Amino acid sequence: MFEIIQWAIFMNWIAAILLCYGCFLVGCSPGSLSDYRYEGESTCRDIIGDLQSVETREDLARLEPILKRNFEKLVIVIIGARQIQIKYPEEALALPLHVESDVSDLLKEELERVYRIEGGKEIVERAQREAMLRLDGFEKIRGKQKELRVK
């Protein structure tokens, strides 16, 4: 009997932690396209900071798991922004299509620099692979859904 009570207390404790964690995640997730833009730029800055520390192929190889995680985070932000654009097209139309950003230019420069390192392009592409497959899968599903609505 005592073990059952302990188990019930433990399960309530776990449920409370999961509830708090869920509230934290929902409260911290972006809610508008502007929020997604800010989150995307922040993730790009993280990637830029990581890439700026790379001088050799070995540096890049050690950094690969971190880059992979950041690219996956960026794709989650991109997918979330696309879903907001689809759900609220009027909000998408209200924002300028292209915002001048030093972040995208700096990211491009750092990627080009790292690509010039022997084997750099392959390591970066390997770090991006799963994130790009996820984004491609989302876009393919989105395209099929769009086709079904047109028919």
Protein backbone atom coordinates (compact mmCIF):
# COMPACT_ATOMS: atom_id res chain seq x y z
CA MET A 1 0.00 0.00 0.00
CA PHE A 2 2.81 2.38 0.92
CA GLU A 3 4.50 1.68 -2.45
CA ILE A 4 1.32 2.60 -4.32
CA ILE A 5 1.10 5.91 -2.47
CA GLN A 6 4.78 6.62 -3.19
CA TRP A 7 4.20 5.79 -6.86
CA ALA A 8 1.16 8.12 -7.02
CA ILE A 9 3.12 10.97 -5.41
CA PHE A 10 5.98 10.38 -7.85
CA MET A 11 3.62 10.41 -10.85
CA ASN A 12 1.97 13.65 -9.62
CA TRP A 13 5.39 15.21 -9.24
CA ILE A 14 6.35 14.16 -12.81
CA ALA A 15 3.03 15.49 -14.14
CA ALA A 16 3.60 18.84 -12.40
CA ILE A 17 7.09 19.13 -13.91
CA LEU A 18 5.82 18.28 -17.39
CA LEU A 19 2.99 20.81 -17.04
CA CYS A 20 5.43 23.55 -16.01
CA TYR A 21 7.80 22.60 -18.84
CA GLY A 22 4.93 22.65 -21.34
CA CYS A 23 3.80 26.09 -20.16
CA PHE A 24 7.38 27.32 -20.47
CA LEU A 25 7.67 26.02 -24.04
CA VAL A 26 4.35 27.50 -25.13
CA GLY A 27 5.11 30.81 -23.45
CA CYS A 28 8.52 31.07 -25.09
CA SER A 29 7.55 30.09 -28.60
CA PRO A 30 7.27 32.86 -31.19
CA GLY A 31 3.73 34.00 -31.90
CA SER A 32 4.08 36.35 -34.86
CA LEU A 33 6.18 36.66 -37.98
CA SER A 34 8.19 39.40 -36.30
CA ASP A 35 8.95 37.04 -33.43
CA TYR A 36 10.05 34.35 -35.87
CA ARG A 37 12.23 36.84 -37.73
CA TYR A 38 13.91 37.83 -34.46
CA GLU A 39 14.37 34.16 -33.47
CA GLY A 40 15.80 33.33 -36.89
CA GLU A 41 18.28 36.20 -36.75
CA SER A 42 19.31 35.15 -33.25
CA THR A 43 19.97 31.59 -34.43
CA CYS A 44 21.92 32.92 -37.42
CA ARG A 45 24.04 35.01 -35.05
CA ASP A 46 24.78 31.85 -33.06
CA ILE A 47 25.89 30.08 -36.25
CA ILE A 48 28.02 33.08 -37.25
CA GLY A 49 29.69 33.11 -33.84
CA ASP A 50 30.45 29.41 -34.14
CA LEU A 51 31.82 29.76 -37.67
CA GLN A 52 34.00 32.73 -36.72
CA SER A 53 35.91 30.48 -34.30
CA VAL A 54 36.83 28.08 -37.13
CA GLU A 55 40.36 28.29 -38.48
CA THR A 56 41.06 24.68 -39.48
CA ARG A 57 39.22 21.60 -40.69
CA GLU A 58 39.68 20.09 -37.22
CA ASP A 59 38.01 23.12 -35.61
CA LEU A 60 35.07 22.68 -37.95
CA ALA A 61 34.86 18.93 -37.33
CA ARG A 62 34.70 19.53 -33.56
CA LEU A 63 31.99 22.14 -34.12
CA GLU A 64 29.86 19.96 -36.41
CA PRO A 65 27.38 18.72 -33.74
CA ILE A 66 26.79 22.29 -32.54
CA LEU A 67 26.28 23.52 -36.11
CA LYS A 68 23.91 20.63 -36.75
CA ARG A 69 21.83 21.58 -33.70
CA ASN A 70 21.73 25.25 -34.76
CA PHE A 71 20.75 24.43 -38.35
CA GLU A 72 17.95 22.22 -37.03
CA LYS A 73 16.83 25.04 -34.74
CA LEU A 74 16.83 27.42 -37.71
CA VAL A 75 14.68 25.05 -39.77
CA ILE A 76 12.18 24.79 -36.91
CA VAL A 77 11.94 28.59 -36.93
CA ILE A 78 11.54 28.66 -40.73
CA ILE A 79 8.79 26.04 -40.61
CA GLY A 80 7.01 27.89 -37.80
CA ALA A 81 7.16 31.13 -39.75
CA ARG A 82 5.79 29.41 -42.86
CA GLN A 83 2.91 28.00 -40.83
CA ILE A 84 2.08 31.49 -39.53
CA GLN A 85 2.24 32.83 -43.12
CA ILE A 86 -0.17 30.12 -44.23
CA LYS A 87 -2.54 30.55 -41.29
CA TYR A 88 -2.49 34.37 -41.28
CA PRO A 89 -1.74 35.56 -44.82
CA GLU A 90 -2.77 39.13 -43.94
CA GLU A 91 0.06 39.30 -41.39
CA ALA A 92 2.50 38.04 -44.02
CA LEU A 93 1.38 40.75 -46.44
CA ALA A 94 1.76 43.47 -43.79
CA LEU A 95 5.48 42.76 -43.32
CA PRO A 96 8.08 43.77 -45.91
CA LEU A 97 9.27 40.82 -47.97
CA HIS A 98 12.93 41.65 -47.54
CA VAL A 99 14.40 43.35 -44.54
CA GLU A 100 17.93 44.66 -44.87
CA SER A 101 19.97 42.56 -42.52
CA ASP A 102 23.66 42.49 -41.85
CA VAL A 103 23.10 39.07 -40.28
CA SER A 104 22.37 37.32 -43.58
CA ASP A 105 25.34 39.00 -45.28
CA LEU A 106 27.66 38.08 -42.43
CA LEU A 107 26.41 34.49 -42.42
CA LYS A 108 27.04 34.24 -46.15
CA GLU A 109 30.56 35.61 -45.73
CA GLU A 110 31.39 33.18 -42.92
CA LEU A 111 30.01 30.21 -44.83
CA GLU A 112 32.04 31.20 -47.91
CA ARG A 113 35.17 31.52 -45.74
CA VAL A 114 34.63 28.13 -44.13
CA TYR A 115 33.89 26.54 -47.53
CA ARG A 116 37.38 27.59 -48.66
CA ILE A 117 38.92 25.42 -45.90
CA GLU A 118 39.83 22.00 -47.27
CA GLY A 119 36.85 19.72 -46.54
CA GLY A 120 34.90 22.61 -45.03
CA LYS A 121 32.04 22.53 -47.50
CA GLU A 122 31.48 18.81 -46.93
CA ILE A 123 31.42 19.18 -43.13
CA VAL A 124 28.96 22.10 -43.24
CA GLU A 125 26.73 20.27 -45.71
CA ARG A 126 26.78 17.18 -43.50
CA ALA A 127 25.77 19.36 -40.52
CA GLN A 128 22.91 20.82 -42.59
CA ARG A 129 21.69 17.56 -44.14
CA GLU A 130 19.00 16.50 -41.64
CA ALA A 131 17.68 20.03 -41.22
CA MET A 132 17.41 20.46 -44.98
CA LEU A 133 15.64 17.12 -45.35
CA ARG A 134 13.15 18.20 -42.70
CA LEU A 135 12.53 21.52 -44.47
CA ASP A 136 12.21 19.78 -47.83
CA GLY A 137 9.73 17.31 -46.34
CA PHE A 138 7.65 20.15 -44.92
CA GLU A 139 7.59 21.95 -48.27
CA LYS A 140 6.62 18.77 -50.13
CA ILE A 141 3.74 18.13 -47.72
CA ARG A 142 2.72 21.77 -48.02
CA GLY A 143 2.78 21.50 -51.82
CA LYS A 144 0.59 18.41 -51.78
CA GLN A 145 -1.88 20.06 -49.42
CA LYS A 146 -2.01 23.07 -51.73
CA GLU A 147 -2.64 20.81 -54.73
CA LEU A 148 -5.52 19.08 -52.95
CA ARG A 149 -7.16 22.42 -52.13
CA VAL A 150 -6.91 23.57 -55.75
CA LYS A 151 -8.65 20.42 -57.06
